[in-house]
Amino acid sequence: MRIHLTNTGAVTVLDSAEFRKLDILVDPLPPEKLERAIQKIGRREDEDHIRLSPAVLRYLCGRAGDVEWESGFAGMIAYAAKAGWVDDQGDVRVHIERNEIDEVVTEVEFKAAMRALPAGISAVTTGSGDGVAGLIVSSLTSISAEPPLVGFFIDERSSIVPSLLANNRFVANVLGEEHKDVLSTFLCEKQGPARFSKGNWRNGLHDQPVLSDALATVECDIVNTQALGTHRMIVGKIRRSVSRQASPMINFNAGMHRLEPLPG
């Protein structure tokens, strides 16, 4: 079993049913970020070891309740205790392995690849009255039908982040080709009511802004957020949705396009 502290901000588990070993793989991280990552899951013992609670390990693996897995996990903890690797608090001593190889593409290469990915455009809104806020995203995606979940990604520095996290809900309004004025206003105006000066806006659940003639609107409660690299993932459970037939606005190669069917 290997716990992976990634430099994206995520904590993952590799080989969760391999009970003959237990270690922590650490990506290259600045010292302060490494300490924060360690504090999320346990406590540092020394330069090469971390103390982890079995309860935290069980949670990270996501296999609790699986009878066969639980048996193997209990055997691993018992072996660690016999070897003297479990302290008086019941925490396991885990060795740190440093991941020295972390080859990634450049930012230029990354952006070039992402420009080749066509995506719909949505106006994400939150708040009410003078506290409304909005942002244009091309990352809205479906996650689950049962329960109904959608998500999107935003830069941690975005001006909408404080409002989103404070309100704990949002509306995703899918834009059509007729919404160029809405797009332009959201991109050019200062955060707040000025961004809603164009478009047919109405109040939805909790008085949040809903675009009446959007291709689709999904009104959501935020059920999960996760910092990943420079961005934050926002996941919402859909409480209400409306959709209509129209032509979407598409982001492709750093420009806006209309969608047309292929001939034949």
Foldseek 3Di string as FASTA:
>chain_A
DEWECEPQQDIADDPLQPLPAYAYEYEDDDPVVVCVSLVVAAADDDPWKTWGALVSSCVRSVCPPVVVSVVSSVVSLVVQVVVVQADPVRTGIHTYDYDPDDDDDDPVVVVVVVLADKFFKKWKWADADQLIFIAIFRAWDWDDVVQTKIKGKDFPPDPCVVRCVVRQWIKIFTAFPVCPVLVVLNVPPDTTPSSVPDADWFADVVGMTDHPPGQKMFIFGWDDWGRTHRMIMTMTGGPDMDHDDGWTWMRHNNDIDTDDDDDD
